[in-house]
Structure formats: structure tokens, C-alpha cells
Amino acid sequence: NLHPLEQRRRLAVYWREFAAPHGPKLSARDN
């Protein structure tokens, strides 16, 4: 069972990966 903070961190990573192709800021960082 994950801690709430761990779930939030994992969700943030998932959202970052999901929004990477859509977000200009994230794509700029990837380049």
C-alpha cells in the first residue's frame, strides 16, 4: 500500500509523461 505522498508523486510523474508531447514547456525541456 503506497503512501499518499508517494501516490501523488507517482501521479505527477505519470501526468508529466502524459503531458510531455502536448505541453510546449515540457517539449522544450525534452529538446
Protein backbone atom coordinates (compact mmCIF):
# COMPACT_ATOMS: atom_id res chain seq x y z
CA ASN A 1 0.00 0.00 0.00
CA LEU A 2 1.53 3.28 -1.12
CA HIS A 3 1.67 6.43 0.97
CA PRO A 4 -0.50 9.39 -0.15
CA LEU A 5 2.66 11.38 -0.91
CA GLU A 6 4.06 8.53 -2.99
CA GLN A 7 0.80 8.25 -4.92
CA ARG A 8 0.85 12.00 -5.54
CA ARG A 9 4.47 11.83 -6.72
CA ARG A 10 3.71 8.85 -8.98
CA LEU A 11 0.68 10.67 -10.36
CA ALA A 12 2.82 13.76 -11.02
CA VAL A 13 5.33 11.64 -12.93
CA TYR A 14 2.53 9.97 -14.89
CA TRP A 15 0.96 13.35 -15.70
CA ARG A 16 4.39 14.69 -16.73
CA GLU A 17 4.89 11.76 -19.10
CA PHE A 18 1.35 12.11 -20.44
CA ALA A 19 1.53 15.88 -20.96
CA ALA A 20 5.07 15.80 -22.40
CA PRO A 21 4.01 15.64 -26.09
CA HIS A 22 1.22 18.17 -25.50
CA GLY A 23 2.97 20.72 -23.29
CA PRO A 24 5.23 23.25 -25.07
CA LYS A 25 7.27 23.79 -21.89
CA LEU A 26 7.85 20.07 -21.41
CA SER A 27 8.71 19.50 -25.08
CA ALA A 28 11.13 22.42 -24.95
CA ARG A 29 12.80 20.82 -21.95
CA ASP A 30 12.97 17.47 -23.73
CA ASN A 31 14.73 19.13 -26.65
